[in-house]
Each structure stands twice: as structure tokens, then as C-alpha cells.
Amino acid sequence: MICRKEVEVKLFMTSSPMGAYRSTEAPAFKGLDPANGLVEELVSYWREGSRCLLISAFPEEYSVNDRMRADFERIFRETGLSVKCMDICDRRSGTDIVSKLGKYDMVILGGGHVPTEKAFFDEIGLRSALQSWDGIVMGISAGSMNCADIVYAQPEMPGEAVDPSYQKFIRGLGLTDINVLPHYQAVKGDYVDGLRLMEDITYPDSFGRTFYAIVDGSYVLQTEDRKEIRGEAYRIADGKFEKVCDNGEVLKLSC
């Protein structure tokens, strides 16, 4: 694996840093999940009065996006992070706001449907803009998946697993060569089009490739000089599955 060194992007690829996916229980923490040192790592790179940009995976869901923007600003402030602004990028602002990316210190890539989000990223020219940008990127779920150079768009919607025209491997943002699969604790027993998501779809797709399935509260951290998994994670490669890291542990990946 090769660490990006051209631009000093601090990349946090999370599963869910704000509570467990599909859980009806309120999280036991306020703000961002402090598990596995996430908050400490963010603080170590944080700029006082950071200007943050949240890029939505749902470009036309304006009321949802406005609520999400407000929620993120509240969560970051509850975490103790100094935030000057939390702006939202959807189809109302799109290309214009990305053209001014240099005024932001942090970019958050929201969760959602991977191909839909990827198409919006392409529309606003995000991959190109990030190549000359220096700051913190936090991916959440689909946002983390779309950070890869070649993204594994794991089928999730009805019809995708059996559609021969569905593209499982698509060009992403090019920030990393790591393929993250989020919410493993919640989706490991899922079926898509009558097929087991992991055993029947993902395992066969892993031949010649490597995926890292992470649970909520775990994340991958990549900077100019390190690349590591923090928390519970599993490696899926060449059809084989193995646990490689546990909660509270750090797995260093080759640079």
C-alpha cells in the first residue's frame, strides 16, 4: 500500500461516529464517539475556529440536508471542537462551493447510497478539488467508501446484486487505496436479491482485492506518514475472511 504524500490530507474513514447504525438506543456519549481515540486524533489536527463543509449524499433532499447540517454543527460543538461555520453542499451550491474549497479546514463526506453520492461528487468536481487541498476529511459510511481510488460499491438496493449492468467497481476520490465496508455489525446478516450480502456477494468480489469491514465506532486513519485501523475490523481478501483488529487496538498498515 502507498500513503499519499503529495498533499497532507488527514483522512478519517469512519463507519458511524455518532451512534450505532440501525440501533434504537441513544448513544452513551454526547458529540462524536470517543471510542478508539477518534476525538483525540481529531483534536490533534484541529484548527481553532475551523470552517467545515458537509457534502451531502442526497443532493436534492434540501430539508433533510439543512437538519443534518444543524445536527453536525451541534455534535461537533458538543465534542468540544471549535467551529466557525458548518456549511452544507448539495445541489443548491454544488460546483460553486467546491470551487472555494480552500476556505475550509474540514470536509465531511456524508453517508448514503454509494453510486448516488459518487455521481454527485463527479458533478461538482470534488476529486480534482481535493488533489490540491490541505485539511481534514472525515468520511461517514458511503462517504468513507467513496474515498478510495477504485471504490467497491457493495450492492445494497433491491435489483443491484442481480443487475448485470450494475457497476460494483467505480472511480472514487483517489484519497486512499483502502476499501472500507461500514456497519459490519449491522449488515453482516443482510440479504440483497435473495443473496447473502457477505458470503454470496462480497466474498466472491474480493478475489484479487482486499476489503476492510469495520463496525460502528471503528475507523481508518490515514495521514502523510501513517495508515492504520482503529478498533474492531475484519479483512476480506481472495474470498477469505478474518478478524484483524479488536476494539481498543491499532492495526498499522504498510505505507
C-alpha atoms as a PDB file:
ATOM      1  CA  MET A   1       0.000   0.000   0.000  1.00  0.00           C
ATOM      2  CA  ILE A   2       1.174   3.548  -0.749  1.00  0.00           C
ATOM      3  CA  CYS A   3       0.441   6.509   1.529  1.00  0.00           C
ATOM      4  CA  ARG A   4      -0.491   9.754  -0.230  1.00  0.00           C
ATOM      5  CA  LYS A   5       2.249  12.287   0.369  1.00  0.00           C
ATOM      6  CA  GLU A   6       1.513  14.947  -2.254  1.00  0.00           C
ATOM      7  CA  VAL A   7      -0.990  16.818  -0.063  1.00  0.00           C
ATOM      8  CA  GLU A   8      -1.156  16.485   3.697  1.00  0.00           C
ATOM      9  CA  VAL A   9      -4.792  15.407   3.975  1.00  0.00           C
ATOM     10  CA  LYS A  10      -5.730  13.893   7.318  1.00  0.00           C
ATOM     11  CA  LEU A  11      -8.236  11.214   6.368  1.00  0.00           C
ATOM     12  CA  PHE A  12     -10.688   9.664   8.837  1.00  0.00           C
ATOM     13  CA  MET A  13     -12.772   6.893   7.275  1.00  0.00           C
ATOM     14  CA  THR A  14     -15.474   6.079   9.802  1.00  0.00           C
ATOM     15  CA  SER A  15     -18.404   3.700   9.862  1.00  0.00           C
ATOM     16  CA  SER A  16     -20.642   5.781  12.104  1.00  0.00           C
ATOM     17  CA  PRO A  17     -19.032   8.227  14.539  1.00  0.00           C
ATOM     18  CA  MET A  18     -22.335   9.346  16.061  1.00  0.00           C
ATOM     19  CA  GLY A  19     -24.061   6.155  17.205  1.00  0.00           C
ATOM     20  CA  ALA A  20     -24.789   2.628  16.049  1.00  0.00           C
ATOM     21  CA  TYR A  21     -26.434   2.144  12.641  1.00  0.00           C
ATOM     22  CA  ARG A  22     -29.990   0.742  12.869  1.00  0.00           C
ATOM     23  CA  SER A  23     -29.921   0.953  16.665  1.00  0.00           C
ATOM     24  CA  THR A  24     -32.922   2.383  18.509  1.00  0.00           C
ATOM     25  CA  GLU A  25     -30.842   3.062  21.619  1.00  0.00           C
ATOM     26  CA  ALA A  26     -29.456   6.527  22.263  1.00  0.00           C
ATOM     27  CA  PRO A  27     -25.646   6.576  22.340  1.00  0.00           C
ATOM     28  CA  ALA A  28     -23.954   6.666  25.727  1.00  0.00           C
ATOM     29  CA  PHE A  29     -21.863   9.687  24.692  1.00  0.00           C
ATOM     30  CA  LYS A  30     -22.506  13.257  23.585  1.00  0.00           C
ATOM     31  CA  GLY A  31     -20.913  14.575  20.440  1.00  0.00           C
ATOM     32  CA  LEU A  32     -18.694  12.277  18.400  1.00  0.00           C
ATOM     33  CA  ASP A  33     -17.996   8.720  19.525  1.00  0.00           C
ATOM     34  CA  PRO A  34     -14.773   8.839  21.581  1.00  0.00           C
ATOM     35  CA  ALA A  35     -14.092   5.121  21.033  1.00  0.00           C
ATOM     36  CA  ASN A  36     -10.669   4.117  19.723  1.00  0.00           C
ATOM     37  CA  GLY A  37      -9.212   7.587  20.125  1.00  0.00           C
ATOM     38  CA  LEU A  38     -11.279   9.275  17.427  1.00  0.00           C
ATOM     39  CA  VAL A  39     -11.780  12.528  19.310  1.00  0.00           C
ATOM     40  CA  GLU A  40      -8.159  12.722  20.472  1.00  0.00           C
ATOM     41  CA  GLU A  41      -6.902  12.221  16.932  1.00  0.00           C
ATOM     42  CA  LEU A  42      -9.257  14.862  15.557  1.00  0.00           C
ATOM     43  CA  VAL A  43      -8.225  17.341  18.244  1.00  0.00           C
ATOM     44  CA  SER A  44      -4.545  16.801  17.423  1.00  0.00           C
ATOM     45  CA  TYR A  45      -5.122  18.103  13.877  1.00  0.00           C
ATOM     46  CA  TRP A  46      -7.925  20.585  14.604  1.00  0.00           C
ATOM     47  CA  ARG A  47      -7.562  24.286  13.836  1.00  0.00           C
ATOM     48  CA  GLU A  48      -9.164  26.776  16.194  1.00  0.00           C
ATOM     49  CA  GLY A  49     -12.347  28.144  14.636  1.00  0.00           C
ATOM     50  CA  SER A  50     -12.392  25.572  11.858  1.00  0.00           C
ATOM     51  CA  ARG A  51     -14.575  26.184   8.835  1.00  0.00           C
ATOM     52  CA  CYS A  52     -16.354  22.922   7.997  1.00  0.00           C
ATOM     53  CA  LEU A  53     -18.146  21.771   4.856  1.00  0.00           C
ATOM     54  CA  LEU A  54     -20.627  18.903   4.942  1.00  0.00           C
ATOM     55  CA  ILE A  55     -21.157  17.350   1.496  1.00  0.00           C
ATOM     56  CA  SER A  56     -24.458  15.506   1.298  1.00  0.00           C
ATOM     57  CA  ALA A  57     -25.021  12.178  -0.410  1.00  0.00           C
ATOM     58  CA  PHE A  58     -28.609  13.301  -1.098  1.00  0.00           C
ATOM     59  CA  PRO A  59     -28.094  16.365  -3.320  1.00  0.00           C
ATOM     60  CA  GLU A  60     -31.785  17.298  -3.663  1.00  0.00           C
ATOM     61  CA  GLU A  61     -33.069  16.484  -0.149  1.00  0.00           C
ATOM     62  CA  TYR A  62     -32.798  20.099   0.965  1.00  0.00           C
ATOM     63  CA  SER A  63     -34.831  19.965   4.181  1.00  0.00           C
ATOM     64  CA  VAL A  64     -33.020  16.792   5.259  1.00  0.00           C
ATOM     65  CA  ASN A  65     -29.678  18.386   4.455  1.00  0.00           C
ATOM     66  CA  ASP A  66     -30.473  21.525   6.445  1.00  0.00           C
ATOM     67  CA  ARG A  67     -31.370  19.436   9.504  1.00  0.00           C
ATOM     68  CA  MET A  68     -28.259  17.316   9.026  1.00  0.00           C
ATOM     69  CA  ARG A  69     -26.064  20.413   8.813  1.00  0.00           C
ATOM     70  CA  ALA A  70     -27.505  21.717  12.086  1.00  0.00           C
ATOM     71  CA  ASP A  71     -27.072  18.314  13.735  1.00  0.00           C
ATOM     72  CA  PHE A  72     -23.430  18.104  12.686  1.00  0.00           C
ATOM     73  CA  GLU A  73     -22.682  21.584  13.969  1.00  0.00           C
ATOM     74  CA  ARG A  74     -24.267  20.718  17.321  1.00  0.00           C
ATOM     75  CA  ILE A  75     -22.419  17.391  17.548  1.00  0.00           C
ATOM     76  CA  PHE A  76     -19.053  18.947  16.782  1.00  0.00           C
ATOM     77  CA  ARG A  77     -19.601  21.688  19.348  1.00  0.00           C
ATOM     78  CA  GLU A  78     -20.687  19.108  21.945  1.00  0.00           C
ATOM     79  CA  THR A  79     -17.424  17.302  21.244  1.00  0.00           C
ATOM     80  CA  GLY A  80     -15.552  20.460  22.233  1.00  0.00           C
ATOM     81  CA  LEU A  81     -14.318  21.271  18.730  1.00  0.00           C
ATOM     82  CA  SER A  82     -14.115  24.962  17.862  1.00  0.00           C
ATOM     83  CA  VAL A  83     -16.303  25.516  14.782  1.00  0.00           C
ATOM     84  CA  LYS A  84     -16.594  28.842  12.984  1.00  0.00           C
ATOM     85  CA  CYS A  85     -19.110  27.527  10.480  1.00  0.00           C
ATOM     86  CA  MET A  86     -20.695  24.306   9.263  1.00  0.00           C
ATOM     87  CA  ASP A  87     -21.833  24.784   5.657  1.00  0.00           C
ATOM     88  CA  ILE A  88     -23.796  22.331   3.528  1.00  0.00           C
ATOM     89  CA  CYS A  89     -23.014  21.340  -0.034  1.00  0.00           C
ATOM     90  CA  ASP A  90     -25.871  19.956  -2.111  1.00  0.00           C
ATOM     91  CA  ARG A  91     -27.308  20.843  -5.497  1.00  0.00           C
ATOM     92  CA  ARG A  92     -28.155  24.369  -4.303  1.00  0.00           C
ATOM     93  CA  SER A  93     -24.453  25.228  -4.029  1.00  0.00           C
ATOM     94  CA  GLY A  94     -22.614  22.321  -5.656  1.00  0.00           C
ATOM     95  CA  THR A  95     -19.835  23.328  -8.020  1.00  0.00           C
ATOM     96  CA  ASP A  96     -19.663  26.898  -6.729  1.00  0.00           C
ATOM     97  CA  ILE A  97     -18.890  25.955  -3.139  1.00  0.00           C
ATOM     98  CA  VAL A  98     -16.384  23.251  -4.138  1.00  0.00           C
ATOM     99  CA  SER A  99     -14.554  25.808  -6.277  1.00  0.00           C
ATOM    100  CA  LYS A 100     -13.926  27.681  -2.997  1.00  0.00           C
ATOM    101  CA  LEU A 101     -12.796  24.587  -1.094  1.00  0.00           C
ATOM    102  CA  GLY A 102      -9.621  26.345   0.021  1.00  0.00           C
ATOM    103  CA  LYS A 103     -11.520  28.404   2.582  1.00  0.00           C
ATOM    104  CA  TYR A 104     -12.478  25.268   4.527  1.00  0.00           C
ATOM    105  CA  ASP A 105     -10.409  23.390   7.096  1.00  0.00           C
ATOM    106  CA  MET A 106     -12.521  20.234   7.169  1.00  0.00           C
ATOM    107  CA  VAL A 107     -14.689  18.347   4.691  1.00  0.00           C
ATOM    108  CA  ILE A 108     -17.263  15.801   5.866  1.00  0.00           C
ATOM    109  CA  LEU A 109     -18.495  13.246   3.334  1.00  0.00           C
ATOM    110  CA  GLY A 110     -21.957  12.151   4.408  1.00  0.00           C
ATOM    111  CA  GLY A 111     -23.412   8.673   4.342  1.00  0.00           C
ATOM    112  CA  GLY A 112     -25.956   7.379   1.864  1.00  0.00           C
ATOM    113  CA  HIS A 113     -26.091   5.369  -1.362  1.00  0.00           C
ATOM    114  CA  VAL A 114     -22.569   4.938  -2.751  1.00  0.00           C
ATOM    115  CA  PRO A 115     -23.258   5.328  -6.524  1.00  0.00           C
ATOM    116  CA  THR A 116     -25.632   8.264  -5.964  1.00  0.00           C
ATOM    117  CA  GLU A 117     -23.086  10.069  -3.823  1.00  0.00           C
ATOM    118  CA  LYS A 118     -20.275   9.267  -6.251  1.00  0.00           C
ATOM    119  CA  ALA A 119     -22.281  10.734  -9.150  1.00  0.00           C
ATOM    120  CA  PHE A 120     -22.764  13.964  -7.181  1.00  0.00           C
ATOM    121  CA  PHE A 121     -19.049  14.100  -6.348  1.00  0.00           C
ATOM    122  CA  ASP A 122     -18.333  13.796 -10.065  1.00  0.00           C
ATOM    123  CA  GLU A 123     -20.867  16.518 -10.875  1.00  0.00           C
ATOM    124  CA  ILE A 124     -19.231  19.036  -8.534  1.00  0.00           C
ATOM    125  CA  GLY A 125     -15.637  18.091  -9.438  1.00  0.00           C
ATOM    126  CA  LEU A 126     -14.723  17.033  -5.907  1.00  0.00           C
ATOM    127  CA  ARG A 127     -11.946  14.599  -6.806  1.00  0.00           C
ATOM    128  CA  SER A 128      -9.998  17.274  -8.671  1.00  0.00           C
ATOM    129  CA  ALA A 129     -10.586  19.893  -5.965  1.00  0.00           C
ATOM    130  CA  LEU A 130      -9.267  17.627  -3.211  1.00  0.00           C
ATOM    131  CA  GLN A 131      -5.986  16.933  -5.005  1.00  0.00           C
ATOM    132  CA  SER A 132      -4.683  20.416  -4.184  1.00  0.00           C
ATOM    133  CA  TRP A 133      -6.387  20.851  -0.808  1.00  0.00           C
ATOM    134  CA  ASP A 134      -4.882  20.503   2.666  1.00  0.00           C
ATOM    135  CA  GLY A 135      -7.126  19.734   5.635  1.00  0.00           C
ATOM    136  CA  ILE A 136      -9.157  17.067   7.405  1.00  0.00           C
ATOM    137  CA  VAL A 137     -11.519  14.771   5.515  1.00  0.00           C
ATOM    138  CA  MET A 138     -13.982  12.684   7.511  1.00  0.00           C
ATOM    139  CA  GLY A 139     -15.908  10.045   5.602  1.00  0.00           C
ATOM    140  CA  ILE A 140     -19.038   8.539   7.092  1.00  0.00           C
ATOM    141  CA  SER A 141     -20.267   5.183   5.755  1.00  0.00           C
ATOM    142  CA  ALA A 142     -20.728   5.696   1.984  1.00  0.00           C
ATOM    143  CA  GLY A 143     -18.517   8.776   2.240  1.00  0.00           C
ATOM    144  CA  SER A 144     -15.704   6.580   3.544  1.00  0.00           C
ATOM    145  CA  MET A 145     -16.237   4.061   0.773  1.00  0.00           C
ATOM    146  CA  ASN A 146     -16.071   6.782  -1.878  1.00  0.00           C
ATOM    147  CA  CYS A 147     -12.665   7.958  -0.594  1.00  0.00           C
ATOM    148  CA  ALA A 148     -10.922   5.091  -2.399  1.00  0.00           C
ATOM    149  CA  ASP A 149      -9.312   5.424  -5.801  1.00  0.00           C
ATOM    150  CA  ILE A 150     -11.310   2.418  -7.013  1.00  0.00           C
ATOM    151  CA  VAL A 151     -14.460   2.107  -4.908  1.00  0.00           C
ATOM    152  CA  TYR A 152     -16.183  -1.186  -4.201  1.00  0.00           C
ATOM    153  CA  ALA A 153     -19.863  -0.212  -4.461  1.00  0.00           C
ATOM    154  CA  GLN A 154     -21.197  -3.135  -2.468  1.00  0.00           C
ATOM    155  CA  PRO A 155     -24.768  -3.852  -3.683  1.00  0.00           C
ATOM    156  CA  GLU A 156     -27.392  -2.728  -1.185  1.00  0.00           C
ATOM    157  CA  MET A 157     -30.548  -1.742  -3.052  1.00  0.00           C
ATOM    158  CA  PRO A 158     -33.035  -4.264  -4.499  1.00  0.00           C
ATOM    159  CA  GLY A 159     -32.020  -5.274  -8.002  1.00  0.00           C
ATOM    160  CA  GLU A 160     -28.376  -4.228  -7.743  1.00  0.00           C
ATOM    161  CA  ALA A 161     -26.994  -7.684  -6.944  1.00  0.00           C
ATOM    162  CA  VAL A 162     -28.625  -9.311  -9.980  1.00  0.00           C
ATOM    163  CA  ASP A 163     -28.342  -6.453 -12.473  1.00  0.00           C
ATOM    164  CA  PRO A 164     -25.536  -7.318 -14.932  1.00  0.00           C
ATOM    165  CA  SER A 165     -25.127  -3.619 -15.757  1.00  0.00           C
ATOM    166  CA  TYR A 166     -24.630  -2.567 -12.126  1.00  0.00           C
ATOM    167  CA  GLN A 167     -21.052  -1.304 -11.663  1.00  0.00           C
ATOM    168  CA  LYS A 168     -19.513  -2.674  -8.486  1.00  0.00           C
ATOM    169  CA  PHE A 169     -16.137  -1.025  -9.050  1.00  0.00           C
ATOM    170  CA  ILE A 170     -16.169   2.693  -9.768  1.00  0.00           C
ATOM    171  CA  ARG A 171     -13.697   5.575  -9.722  1.00  0.00           C
ATOM    172  CA  GLY A 172     -13.718   7.370  -6.391  1.00  0.00           C
ATOM    173  CA  LEU A 173     -11.991  10.393  -4.881  1.00  0.00           C
ATOM    174  CA  GLY A 174      -8.499   8.913  -5.021  1.00  0.00           C
ATOM    175  CA  LEU A 175      -7.601   9.755  -1.421  1.00  0.00           C
ATOM    176  CA  THR A 176      -6.643   6.199  -0.466  1.00  0.00           C
ATOM    177  CA  ASP A 177      -6.206   2.663  -1.744  1.00  0.00           C
ATOM    178  CA  ILE A 178      -8.170   1.221   1.194  1.00  0.00           C
ATOM    179  CA  ASN A 179     -11.673  -0.134   0.609  1.00  0.00           C
ATOM    180  CA  VAL A 180     -13.813   0.232   3.723  1.00  0.00           C
ATOM    181  CA  LEU A 181     -17.082  -1.627   4.288  1.00  0.00           C
ATOM    182  CA  PRO A 182     -19.029   0.089   7.102  1.00  0.00           C
ATOM    183  CA  HIS A 183     -21.586  -1.080   9.681  1.00  0.00           C
ATOM    184  CA  TYR A 184     -20.360  -4.673   9.675  1.00  0.00           C
ATOM    185  CA  GLN A 185     -22.115  -5.483  12.960  1.00  0.00           C
ATOM    186  CA  ALA A 186     -25.456  -4.439  11.435  1.00  0.00           C
ATOM    187  CA  VAL A 187     -25.225  -5.689   7.841  1.00  0.00           C
ATOM    188  CA  LYS A 188     -23.306  -8.971   8.176  1.00  0.00           C
ATOM    189  CA  GLY A 189     -26.543 -10.965   8.029  1.00  0.00           C
ATOM    190  CA  ASP A 190     -28.212  -8.923   5.291  1.00  0.00           C
ATOM    191  CA  TYR A 191     -29.632 -10.348   2.070  1.00  0.00           C
ATOM    192  CA  VAL A 192     -29.834  -8.490  -1.247  1.00  0.00           C
ATOM    193  CA  ASP A 193     -31.955 -10.018  -4.016  1.00  0.00           C
ATOM    194  CA  GLY A 194     -32.060 -13.299  -2.108  1.00  0.00           C
ATOM    195  CA  LEU A 195     -28.267 -13.465  -1.818  1.00  0.00           C
ATOM    196  CA  ARG A 196     -26.250 -13.211   1.376  1.00  0.00           C
ATOM    197  CA  LEU A 197     -24.533  -9.826   1.270  1.00  0.00           C
ATOM    198  CA  MET A 198     -21.227 -11.056   2.625  1.00  0.00           C
ATOM    199  CA  GLU A 199     -20.876 -14.742   1.745  1.00  0.00           C
ATOM    200  CA  ASP A 200     -22.580 -14.743  -1.679  1.00  0.00           C
ATOM    201  CA  ILE A 201     -21.686 -11.265  -2.946  1.00  0.00           C
ATOM    202  CA  THR A 202     -18.768  -9.650  -1.135  1.00  0.00           C
ATOM    203  CA  TYR A 203     -16.536 -12.683  -0.603  1.00  0.00           C
ATOM    204  CA  PRO A 204     -16.529 -13.615  -4.325  1.00  0.00           C
ATOM    205  CA  ASP A 205     -15.957  -9.962  -5.262  1.00  0.00           C
ATOM    206  CA  SER A 206     -12.834  -9.887  -3.074  1.00  0.00           C
ATOM    207  CA  PHE A 207     -10.725 -12.147  -5.301  1.00  0.00           C
ATOM    208  CA  GLY A 208      -7.680 -10.130  -6.251  1.00  0.00           C
ATOM    209  CA  ARG A 209      -8.735  -7.356  -3.856  1.00  0.00           C
ATOM    210  CA  THR A 210      -8.826  -6.504  -0.154  1.00  0.00           C
ATOM    211  CA  PHE A 211     -11.748  -5.018   1.771  1.00  0.00           C
ATOM    212  CA  TYR A 212     -11.792  -3.983   5.434  1.00  0.00           C
ATOM    213  CA  ALA A 213     -15.157  -4.409   7.152  1.00  0.00           C
ATOM    214  CA  ILE A 214     -15.414  -2.183  10.221  1.00  0.00           C
ATOM    215  CA  VAL A 215     -18.038  -1.834  12.920  1.00  0.00           C
ATOM    216  CA  ASP A 216     -19.539   1.411  14.175  1.00  0.00           C
ATOM    217  CA  GLY A 217     -17.029   3.085  16.480  1.00  0.00           C
ATOM    218  CA  SER A 218     -14.074   1.844  14.431  1.00  0.00           C
ATOM    219  CA  TYR A 219     -12.323   3.823  11.708  1.00  0.00           C
ATOM    220  CA  VAL A 220      -9.320   4.002   9.410  1.00  0.00           C
ATOM    221  CA  LEU A 221      -6.862   6.859   9.889  1.00  0.00           C
ATOM    222  CA  GLN A 222      -4.517   7.899   7.084  1.00  0.00           C
ATOM    223  CA  THR A 223      -2.088  10.825   7.153  1.00  0.00           C
ATOM    224  CA  GLU A 224       1.091  11.639   5.251  1.00  0.00           C
ATOM    225  CA  ASP A 225       3.124   9.308   7.484  1.00  0.00           C
ATOM    226  CA  ARG A 226       0.786   6.621   8.796  1.00  0.00           C
ATOM    227  CA  LYS A 227      -2.065   4.383   7.815  1.00  0.00           C
ATOM    228  CA  GLU A 228      -3.886   2.381  10.468  1.00  0.00           C
ATOM    229  CA  ILE A 229      -7.138   0.747  11.506  1.00  0.00           C
ATOM    230  CA  ARG A 230      -8.515   1.726  14.900  1.00  0.00           C
ATOM    231  CA  GLY A 231     -10.945  -0.689  16.539  1.00  0.00           C
ATOM    232  CA  GLU A 232     -12.776  -3.854  15.541  1.00  0.00           C
ATOM    233  CA  ALA A 233     -12.181  -4.752  11.900  1.00  0.00           C
ATOM    234  CA  TYR A 234     -12.149  -7.714   9.529  1.00  0.00           C
ATOM    235  CA  ARG A 235     -10.151  -8.344   6.368  1.00  0.00           C
ATOM    236  CA  ILE A 236     -11.906  -9.858   3.347  1.00  0.00           C
ATOM    237  CA  ALA A 237      -9.487 -10.872   0.599  1.00  0.00           C
ATOM    238  CA  ASP A 238      -9.458 -13.579  -2.069  1.00  0.00           C
ATOM    239  CA  GLY A 239     -12.689 -14.992  -0.703  1.00  0.00           C
ATOM    240  CA  LYS A 240     -11.325 -15.360   2.830  1.00  0.00           C
ATOM    241  CA  PHE A 241     -12.496 -13.612   5.983  1.00  0.00           C
ATOM    242  CA  GLU A 242     -10.503 -12.946   9.155  1.00  0.00           C
ATOM    243  CA  LYS A 243     -10.621 -10.662  12.168  1.00  0.00           C
ATOM    244  CA  VAL A 244      -7.561  -8.410  12.145  1.00  0.00           C
ATOM    245  CA  CYS A 245      -8.194  -5.858  14.893  1.00  0.00           C
ATOM    246  CA  ASP A 246     -10.228  -5.595  18.063  1.00  0.00           C
ATOM    247  CA  ASN A 247     -11.824  -2.739  19.951  1.00  0.00           C
ATOM    248  CA  GLY A 248      -9.132  -0.628  21.599  1.00  0.00           C
ATOM    249  CA  GLU A 249      -6.420  -1.986  19.307  1.00  0.00           C
ATOM    250  CA  VAL A 250      -4.492  -0.409  16.419  1.00  0.00           C
ATOM    251  CA  LEU A 251      -3.519  -2.257  13.252  1.00  0.00           C
ATOM    252  CA  LYS A 252      -0.778  -0.492  11.319  1.00  0.00           C
ATOM    253  CA  LEU A 253      -0.960  -0.969   7.561  1.00  0.00           C
ATOM    254  CA  SER A 254       2.017  -0.780   5.235  1.00  0.00           C
ATOM    255  CA  CYS A 255       2.866   2.584   3.682  1.00  0.00           C
END
